[in-house]
């Protein structure tokens, strides 16, 4: 997102003095040629959680090559958790899972594919939900916009 748009959004949500303090505290961020990509924490200026997390997704701020949800959602990083979940599902007789925030479904898809469960993934980032719906058309799997921050 354009840095001037970030300032405008912050001004609308916070007012004049907090905006001036923020701009003066990080002056290099607002110089011409400094894009939002050059300011990795620019999403923190956005007015609400939906805008912040959508910006993080769209600019792939957390984006490891494997997962837009970051390194913590990689197949390797979740290896032990993926091994433990089927046992937990069986022990607790889980037949339905609500995963929120679901992120890009990178690793959880492996759990869902190998277990007899209904899966509902929810996330505040609507473009991510649209991407998941298009990418994963599995039976018993659905995605919905869901804001767990409020």
N, C-alpha and C. Protein backbone atom coordinates (compact mmCIF):
# COMPACT_ATOMS: atom_id res chain seq x y z
N UNK A 1 0.85 -1.17 0.00
CA UNK A 1 0.00 0.00 0.00
C UNK A 1 0.90 1.23 0.00
N UNK A 2 0.48 2.26 -0.70
CA UNK A 2 1.19 3.52 -0.79
C UNK A 2 1.34 4.14 0.60
N UNK A 3 2.55 4.62 0.95
CA UNK A 3 2.75 5.21 2.28
C UNK A 3 1.82 6.39 2.57
N UNK A 4 1.50 7.19 1.56
CA UNK A 4 0.59 8.31 1.79
C UNK A 4 -0.82 7.81 2.13
N UNK A 5 -1.22 6.72 1.53
CA UNK A 5 -2.52 6.13 1.88
C UNK A 5 -2.51 5.61 3.31
N UNK A 6 -1.38 5.06 3.72
CA UNK A 6 -1.27 4.59 5.10
C UNK A 6 -1.41 5.75 6.07
N UNK A 7 -0.74 6.87 5.76
CA UNK A 7 -0.83 8.05 6.63
C UNK A 7 -2.28 8.54 6.67
N UNK A 8 -2.92 8.60 5.50
CA UNK A 8 -4.31 9.06 5.45
C UNK A 8 -5.22 8.15 6.26
N UNK A 9 -5.04 6.85 6.13
CA UNK A 9 -5.86 5.90 6.89
C UNK A 9 -5.61 6.05 8.39
N UNK A 10 -4.36 6.23 8.77
CA UNK A 10 -4.03 6.40 10.18
C UNK A 10 -4.64 7.70 10.71
N UNK A 11 -4.56 8.77 9.91
CA UNK A 11 -5.13 10.06 10.29
C UNK A 11 -6.64 9.94 10.52
N UNK A 12 -7.33 9.25 9.59
CA UNK A 12 -8.78 9.09 9.73
C UNK A 12 -9.15 8.33 11.00
N UNK A 13 -8.32 7.38 11.38
CA UNK A 13 -8.67 6.57 12.54
C UNK A 13 -8.15 7.15 13.86
N UNK A 14 -7.04 7.87 13.81
CA UNK A 14 -6.39 8.30 15.06
C UNK A 14 -6.40 9.81 15.29
N UNK A 15 -6.54 10.61 14.24
CA UNK A 15 -6.53 12.06 14.39
C UNK A 15 -5.17 12.67 14.08
N UNK A 16 -5.10 14.00 14.20
CA UNK A 16 -3.92 14.75 13.77
C UNK A 16 -2.69 14.49 14.62
N UNK A 17 -2.75 14.67 15.93
CA UNK A 17 -1.54 14.59 16.76
C UNK A 17 -0.91 13.19 16.77
N UNK A 18 -1.68 12.14 16.94
CA UNK A 18 -1.05 10.81 16.86
C UNK A 18 -0.41 10.55 15.49
N UNK A 19 -1.04 11.07 14.43
CA UNK A 19 -0.47 10.88 13.09
C UNK A 19 0.84 11.63 12.96
N UNK A 20 0.88 12.87 13.42
CA UNK A 20 2.13 13.65 13.36
C UNK A 20 3.23 12.97 14.17
N UNK A 21 2.90 12.47 15.35
CA UNK A 21 3.91 11.77 16.16
C UNK A 21 4.46 10.55 15.41
N UNK A 22 3.56 9.79 14.78
CA UNK A 22 3.98 8.58 14.06
C UNK A 22 4.87 8.94 12.87
N UNK A 23 4.48 9.96 12.10
CA UNK A 23 5.26 10.35 10.92
C UNK A 23 6.62 10.90 11.35
N UNK A 24 6.64 11.70 12.39
CA UNK A 24 7.92 12.28 12.84
C UNK A 24 8.81 11.24 13.50
N UNK A 25 8.23 10.23 14.07
CA UNK A 25 9.02 9.18 14.71
C UNK A 25 9.73 8.30 13.68
N UNK A 26 9.11 8.10 12.52
CA UNK A 26 9.69 7.27 11.46
C UNK A 26 9.78 8.07 10.16
N UNK A 27 10.59 9.13 10.13
CA UNK A 27 10.58 10.04 8.97
C UNK A 27 11.03 9.40 7.66
N UNK A 28 11.96 8.47 7.68
CA UNK A 28 12.47 7.90 6.44
C UNK A 28 11.42 7.10 5.70
N UNK A 29 10.46 6.58 6.42
CA UNK A 29 9.42 5.76 5.80
C UNK A 29 8.60 6.55 4.79
N UNK A 30 8.52 7.86 4.96
CA UNK A 30 7.61 8.67 4.15
C UNK A 30 8.32 9.41 3.02
N UNK A 31 9.61 9.22 2.86
CA UNK A 31 10.34 9.88 1.77
C UNK A 31 9.89 9.33 0.43
N UNK A 32 9.93 10.19 -0.62
CA UNK A 32 9.58 9.69 -1.96
C UNK A 32 10.45 8.50 -2.33
N UNK A 33 9.82 7.53 -2.96
CA UNK A 33 10.56 6.33 -3.36
C UNK A 33 10.55 5.23 -2.31
N UNK A 34 10.12 5.55 -1.11
CA UNK A 34 10.04 4.52 -0.07
C UNK A 34 8.64 3.92 -0.13
N UNK A 35 8.52 2.78 -0.72
CA UNK A 35 7.20 2.15 -0.86
C UNK A 35 6.85 1.40 0.41
N UNK A 36 5.63 0.92 0.46
CA UNK A 36 5.20 0.12 1.61
C UNK A 36 6.04 -1.14 1.72
N UNK A 37 6.51 -1.65 0.56
CA UNK A 37 7.36 -2.84 0.60
C UNK A 37 8.68 -2.54 1.30
N UNK A 38 9.14 -1.29 1.19
CA UNK A 38 10.38 -0.91 1.86
C UNK A 38 10.16 -0.65 3.34
N UNK A 39 8.93 -0.55 3.75
CA UNK A 39 8.59 -0.32 5.15
C UNK A 39 7.82 -1.53 5.65
N UNK A 40 8.50 -2.60 6.08
CA UNK A 40 7.82 -3.84 6.39
C UNK A 40 6.80 -3.75 7.51
N UNK A 41 6.89 -2.75 8.35
CA UNK A 41 5.94 -2.64 9.45
C UNK A 41 4.85 -1.61 9.16
N UNK A 42 4.73 -1.19 7.90
CA UNK A 42 3.74 -0.18 7.52
C UNK A 42 2.32 -0.63 7.84
N UNK A 43 2.07 -1.94 7.83
CA UNK A 43 0.71 -2.44 8.12
C UNK A 43 0.25 -2.06 9.52
N UNK A 44 1.19 -1.76 10.40
CA UNK A 44 0.82 -1.40 11.77
C UNK A 44 0.10 -0.06 11.83
N UNK A 45 0.22 0.74 10.78
CA UNK A 45 -0.45 2.03 10.74
C UNK A 45 -1.90 1.93 10.29
N UNK A 46 -2.28 0.81 9.75
CA UNK A 46 -3.64 0.68 9.24
C UNK A 46 -4.65 0.69 10.38
N UNK A 47 -5.87 1.16 10.10
CA UNK A 47 -6.81 1.47 11.17
C UNK A 47 -7.45 0.28 11.89
N UNK A 48 -7.54 -0.88 11.26
CA UNK A 48 -8.22 -1.99 11.93
C UNK A 48 -7.55 -3.31 11.58
N UNK A 49 -7.93 -4.34 12.30
CA UNK A 49 -7.30 -5.66 12.13
C UNK A 49 -7.50 -6.21 10.73
N UNK A 50 -8.69 -6.03 10.17
CA UNK A 50 -8.96 -6.56 8.83
C UNK A 50 -8.00 -5.93 7.81
N UNK A 51 -7.84 -4.61 7.87
CA UNK A 51 -6.94 -3.92 6.94
C UNK A 51 -5.49 -4.35 7.17
N UNK A 52 -5.09 -4.46 8.45
CA UNK A 52 -3.71 -4.85 8.75
C UNK A 52 -3.39 -6.25 8.23
N UNK A 53 -4.25 -7.22 8.54
CA UNK A 53 -3.96 -8.60 8.13
C UNK A 53 -4.10 -8.78 6.62
N UNK A 54 -5.01 -8.04 6.00
CA UNK A 54 -5.11 -8.10 4.54
C UNK A 54 -3.85 -7.55 3.90
N UNK A 55 -3.32 -6.46 4.44
CA UNK A 55 -2.07 -5.89 3.92
C UNK A 55 -0.92 -6.87 4.12
N UNK A 56 -0.85 -7.51 5.27
CA UNK A 56 0.20 -8.51 5.53
C UNK A 56 0.11 -9.63 4.49
N UNK A 57 -1.10 -10.10 4.20
CA UNK A 57 -1.28 -11.16 3.21
C UNK A 57 -0.90 -10.69 1.81
N UNK A 58 -1.42 -9.52 1.41
CA UNK A 58 -1.20 -9.06 0.04
C UNK A 58 0.26 -8.74 -0.25
N UNK A 59 0.99 -8.24 0.75
CA UNK A 59 2.41 -7.95 0.55
C UNK A 59 3.31 -9.11 0.98
N UNK A 60 2.69 -10.18 1.45
CA UNK A 60 3.42 -11.38 1.91
C UNK A 60 4.49 -11.01 2.95
N UNK A 61 4.08 -10.18 3.91
CA UNK A 61 5.00 -9.75 4.97
C UNK A 61 5.52 -10.96 5.73
N UNK A 62 4.66 -11.93 6.00
CA UNK A 62 5.08 -13.13 6.72
C UNK A 62 5.47 -14.24 5.76
N UNK A 63 5.40 -13.96 4.48
CA UNK A 63 5.46 -14.98 3.46
C UNK A 63 6.78 -15.69 3.30
N UNK A 64 6.84 -16.83 3.88
CA UNK A 64 7.91 -17.75 3.52
C UNK A 64 7.58 -18.21 2.11
N UNK A 65 8.54 -18.78 1.42
CA UNK A 65 8.26 -19.23 0.05
C UNK A 65 7.13 -20.26 0.03
N UNK A 66 7.08 -21.09 1.04
CA UNK A 66 6.10 -22.17 1.05
C UNK A 66 4.70 -21.70 1.44
N UNK A 67 4.60 -20.76 2.36
CA UNK A 67 3.30 -20.40 2.91
C UNK A 67 3.18 -18.89 3.14
N UNK A 68 2.09 -18.32 2.68
CA UNK A 68 1.82 -16.90 2.94
C UNK A 68 1.58 -16.65 4.42
N UNK A 69 1.31 -17.70 5.17
CA UNK A 69 1.07 -17.57 6.60
C UNK A 69 2.36 -17.56 7.41
N UNK A 70 3.49 -17.67 6.75
CA UNK A 70 4.78 -17.58 7.43
C UNK A 70 5.44 -18.92 7.65
N UNK A 71 6.64 -18.86 8.20
CA UNK A 71 7.45 -20.06 8.41
C UNK A 71 6.81 -21.04 9.40
N UNK A 72 6.06 -20.53 10.34
CA UNK A 72 5.40 -21.39 11.31
C UNK A 72 4.31 -22.26 10.72
N UNK A 73 3.96 -22.00 9.47
CA UNK A 73 2.95 -22.81 8.78
C UNK A 73 3.56 -23.71 7.71
N UNK A 74 4.85 -23.90 7.78
CA UNK A 74 5.50 -24.77 6.79
C UNK A 74 5.25 -26.24 7.15
N UNK A 75 5.40 -27.09 6.15
CA UNK A 75 5.21 -28.52 6.36
C UNK A 75 6.22 -29.05 7.38
N UNK A 76 7.46 -28.64 7.26
CA UNK A 76 8.49 -29.13 8.18
C UNK A 76 8.24 -28.64 9.61
N UNK A 77 7.91 -27.37 9.77
CA UNK A 77 7.72 -26.80 11.10
C UNK A 77 6.56 -27.47 11.84
N UNK A 78 5.56 -27.91 11.11
CA UNK A 78 4.36 -28.49 11.74
C UNK A 78 4.39 -30.02 11.78
N UNK A 79 5.50 -30.61 11.47
CA UNK A 79 5.62 -32.07 11.38
C UNK A 79 5.11 -32.76 12.65
N UNK A 80 5.59 -32.35 13.81
CA UNK A 80 5.19 -33.03 15.07
C UNK A 80 3.72 -32.79 15.40
N UNK A 81 3.25 -31.59 15.15
CA UNK A 81 1.84 -31.28 15.40
C UNK A 81 0.94 -32.12 14.49
N UNK A 82 1.31 -32.23 13.21
CA UNK A 82 0.52 -33.04 12.28
C UNK A 82 0.50 -34.51 12.68
N UNK A 83 1.58 -34.97 13.27
CA UNK A 83 1.63 -36.36 13.73
C UNK A 83 0.75 -36.57 14.96
N UNK A 84 0.62 -35.56 15.81
CA UNK A 84 -0.14 -35.69 17.05
C UNK A 84 -1.64 -35.48 16.88
N UNK A 85 -2.04 -34.66 15.93
CA UNK A 85 -3.47 -34.33 15.80
C UNK A 85 -4.37 -35.54 15.53
N UNK A 86 -4.02 -36.47 14.65
CA UNK A 86 -4.92 -37.62 14.44
C UNK A 86 -5.19 -38.41 15.72
N UNK A 87 -4.19 -38.58 16.55
CA UNK A 87 -4.39 -39.29 17.83
C UNK A 87 -5.33 -38.50 18.73
N UNK A 88 -5.15 -37.20 18.78
CA UNK A 88 -6.01 -36.36 19.60
C UNK A 88 -7.44 -36.38 19.07
N UNK A 89 -7.61 -36.30 17.76
CA UNK A 89 -8.95 -36.37 17.17
C UNK A 89 -9.63 -37.68 17.54
N UNK A 90 -8.90 -38.78 17.46
CA UNK A 90 -9.48 -40.09 17.78
C UNK A 90 -9.82 -40.17 19.26
N UNK A 91 -8.92 -39.74 20.11
CA UNK A 91 -9.13 -39.81 21.56
C UNK A 91 -10.36 -38.99 21.98
N UNK A 92 -10.53 -37.81 21.39
CA UNK A 92 -11.64 -36.93 21.75
C UNK A 92 -12.87 -37.12 20.86
N UNK A 93 -12.78 -38.06 19.93
CA UNK A 93 -13.85 -38.33 18.97
C UNK A 93 -14.27 -37.06 18.23
N UNK A 94 -13.30 -36.35 17.73
CA UNK A 94 -13.54 -35.11 16.98
C UNK A 94 -14.03 -35.46 15.58
N UNK A 95 -15.14 -34.86 15.20
CA UNK A 95 -15.65 -35.08 13.84
C UNK A 95 -15.73 -33.77 13.05
N UNK A 96 -15.56 -32.65 13.73
CA UNK A 96 -15.65 -31.34 13.08
C UNK A 96 -14.63 -30.41 13.72
N UNK A 97 -13.93 -29.65 12.87
CA UNK A 97 -12.90 -28.72 13.35
C UNK A 97 -13.18 -27.33 12.80
N UNK A 98 -13.16 -26.34 13.68
CA UNK A 98 -13.16 -24.94 13.28
C UNK A 98 -11.75 -24.42 13.51
N UNK A 99 -11.09 -24.03 12.45
CA UNK A 99 -9.70 -23.56 12.50
C UNK A 99 -9.70 -22.06 12.22
N UNK A 100 -9.44 -21.27 13.26
CA UNK A 100 -9.46 -19.82 13.09
C UNK A 100 -8.34 -19.19 13.90
N UNK A 101 -7.50 -18.42 13.30
CA UNK A 101 -7.44 -18.12 11.88
C UNK A 101 -6.79 -19.27 11.11
N UNK A 102 -7.36 -19.57 9.96
CA UNK A 102 -6.90 -20.75 9.21
C UNK A 102 -5.69 -20.46 8.32
N UNK A 103 -5.45 -19.19 8.01
CA UNK A 103 -4.33 -18.89 7.12
C UNK A 103 -4.53 -19.52 5.76
N UNK A 104 -3.44 -19.91 5.13
CA UNK A 104 -3.53 -20.41 3.75
C UNK A 104 -3.74 -21.92 3.66
N UNK A 105 -4.01 -22.59 4.78
CA UNK A 105 -4.36 -24.03 4.79
C UNK A 105 -3.20 -24.89 4.30
N UNK A 106 -2.00 -24.36 4.38
CA UNK A 106 -0.83 -25.05 3.83
C UNK A 106 -0.60 -26.41 4.48
N UNK A 107 -0.52 -26.44 5.79
CA UNK A 107 -0.21 -27.70 6.47
C UNK A 107 -1.46 -28.43 6.95
N UNK A 108 -2.47 -27.70 7.30
CA UNK A 108 -3.68 -28.33 7.85
C UNK A 108 -4.38 -29.19 6.80
N UNK A 109 -4.19 -28.86 5.52
CA UNK A 109 -4.81 -29.68 4.46
C UNK A 109 -4.34 -31.12 4.55
N UNK A 110 -3.09 -31.33 4.96
CA UNK A 110 -2.56 -32.69 5.08
C UNK A 110 -3.26 -33.45 6.21
N UNK A 111 -3.57 -32.76 7.29
CA UNK A 111 -4.29 -33.36 8.41
C UNK A 111 -5.72 -33.70 7.98
N UNK A 112 -6.36 -32.77 7.32
CA UNK A 112 -7.76 -32.96 6.90
C UNK A 112 -7.87 -34.09 5.89
N UNK A 113 -6.95 -34.14 4.94
CA UNK A 113 -7.00 -35.18 3.90
C UNK A 113 -6.84 -36.59 4.47
N UNK A 114 -6.16 -36.71 5.60
CA UNK A 114 -5.90 -38.05 6.15
C UNK A 114 -6.77 -38.39 7.36
N UNK A 115 -7.78 -37.58 7.64
CA UNK A 115 -8.67 -37.84 8.78
C UNK A 115 -10.12 -37.67 8.36
N UNK A 116 -10.99 -38.37 9.03
CA UNK A 116 -12.42 -38.33 8.73
C UNK A 116 -13.07 -37.22 9.54
N UNK A 117 -12.86 -35.96 9.09
CA UNK A 117 -13.40 -34.80 9.81
C UNK A 117 -13.99 -33.80 8.83
N UNK A 118 -14.95 -33.04 9.33
CA UNK A 118 -15.44 -31.86 8.61
C UNK A 118 -14.55 -30.70 9.04
N UNK A 119 -14.13 -29.90 8.09
CA UNK A 119 -13.21 -28.80 8.38
C UNK A 119 -13.84 -27.49 7.95
N UNK A 120 -13.83 -26.52 8.87
CA UNK A 120 -14.26 -25.15 8.57
C UNK A 120 -13.09 -24.25 8.91
N UNK A 121 -12.58 -23.55 7.91
CA UNK A 121 -11.49 -22.61 8.11
C UNK A 121 -12.04 -21.20 8.06
N UNK A 122 -11.68 -20.40 9.05
CA UNK A 122 -12.13 -19.01 9.08
C UNK A 122 -10.95 -18.07 9.19
N UNK A 123 -11.03 -16.96 8.48
CA UNK A 123 -9.95 -15.97 8.55
C UNK A 123 -10.51 -14.58 8.27
N UNK A 124 -9.86 -13.58 8.83
CA UNK A 124 -10.27 -12.19 8.66
C UNK A 124 -9.93 -11.65 7.28
N UNK A 125 -8.99 -12.30 6.59
CA UNK A 125 -8.50 -11.84 5.29
C UNK A 125 -9.37 -12.43 4.18
N UNK A 126 -10.27 -11.63 3.65
CA UNK A 126 -11.21 -12.14 2.65
C UNK A 126 -10.55 -12.58 1.35
N UNK A 127 -9.50 -11.88 0.84
CA UNK A 127 -8.83 -12.41 -0.36
C UNK A 127 -8.20 -13.79 -0.11
N UNK A 128 -7.75 -14.04 1.10
CA UNK A 128 -7.19 -15.34 1.45
C UNK A 128 -8.29 -16.41 1.46
N UNK A 129 -9.45 -16.07 1.99
CA UNK A 129 -10.58 -17.00 1.98
C UNK A 129 -10.96 -17.33 0.54
N UNK A 130 -11.01 -16.32 -0.32
CA UNK A 130 -11.34 -16.55 -1.74
C UNK A 130 -10.30 -17.45 -2.40
N UNK A 131 -9.03 -17.21 -2.08
CA UNK A 131 -7.95 -18.05 -2.62
C UNK A 131 -8.10 -19.49 -2.15
N UNK A 132 -8.36 -19.68 -0.86
CA UNK A 132 -8.53 -21.04 -0.32
C UNK A 132 -9.73 -21.74 -0.96
N UNK A 133 -10.83 -21.02 -1.12
CA UNK A 133 -12.02 -21.63 -1.74
C UNK A 133 -11.73 -22.09 -3.16
N UNK A 134 -10.96 -21.29 -3.90
CA UNK A 134 -10.63 -21.65 -5.29
C UNK A 134 -9.63 -22.80 -5.34
N UNK A 135 -8.68 -22.79 -4.44
CA UNK A 135 -7.58 -23.76 -4.46
C UNK A 135 -7.97 -25.12 -3.88
N UNK A 136 -8.81 -25.12 -2.84
CA UNK A 136 -9.13 -26.36 -2.12
C UNK A 136 -10.62 -26.66 -2.21
N UNK A 137 -11.00 -27.41 -3.20
CA UNK A 137 -12.41 -27.79 -3.37
C UNK A 137 -12.57 -29.24 -2.92
N UNK A 138 -12.26 -29.46 -1.68
CA UNK A 138 -12.33 -30.81 -1.10
C UNK A 138 -13.69 -31.04 -0.46
N UNK A 139 -14.18 -32.27 -0.50
CA UNK A 139 -15.43 -32.55 0.21
C UNK A 139 -15.21 -32.35 1.72
N UNK A 140 -16.23 -31.85 2.36
CA UNK A 140 -16.21 -31.66 3.83
C UNK A 140 -15.26 -30.56 4.27
N UNK A 141 -14.83 -29.70 3.34
CA UNK A 141 -13.95 -28.57 3.66
C UNK A 141 -14.62 -27.29 3.20
N UNK A 142 -14.71 -26.31 4.10
CA UNK A 142 -15.26 -25.01 3.71
C UNK A 142 -14.48 -23.89 4.39
N UNK A 143 -14.54 -22.72 3.79
CA UNK A 143 -13.84 -21.54 4.32
C UNK A 143 -14.84 -20.40 4.40
N UNK A 144 -14.72 -19.60 5.46
CA UNK A 144 -15.61 -18.46 5.61
C UNK A 144 -14.86 -17.29 6.22
N UNK A 145 -15.30 -16.06 5.87
CA UNK A 145 -14.70 -14.89 6.50
C UNK A 145 -15.08 -14.87 7.98
N UNK A 146 -14.10 -14.69 8.83
CA UNK A 146 -14.36 -14.74 10.27
C UNK A 146 -13.36 -13.84 10.98
N UNK A 147 -13.87 -12.91 11.77
CA UNK A 147 -13.03 -11.99 12.53
C UNK A 147 -13.07 -12.42 14.00
N UNK A 148 -11.98 -13.01 14.47
CA UNK A 148 -11.93 -13.44 15.88
C UNK A 148 -11.31 -12.37 16.77
N UNK A 149 -11.05 -11.18 16.21
CA UNK A 149 -10.43 -10.13 17.01
C UNK A 149 -11.44 -9.30 17.78
N UNK A 150 -12.73 -9.46 17.47
CA UNK A 150 -13.73 -8.65 18.17
C UNK A 150 -14.72 -9.53 18.89
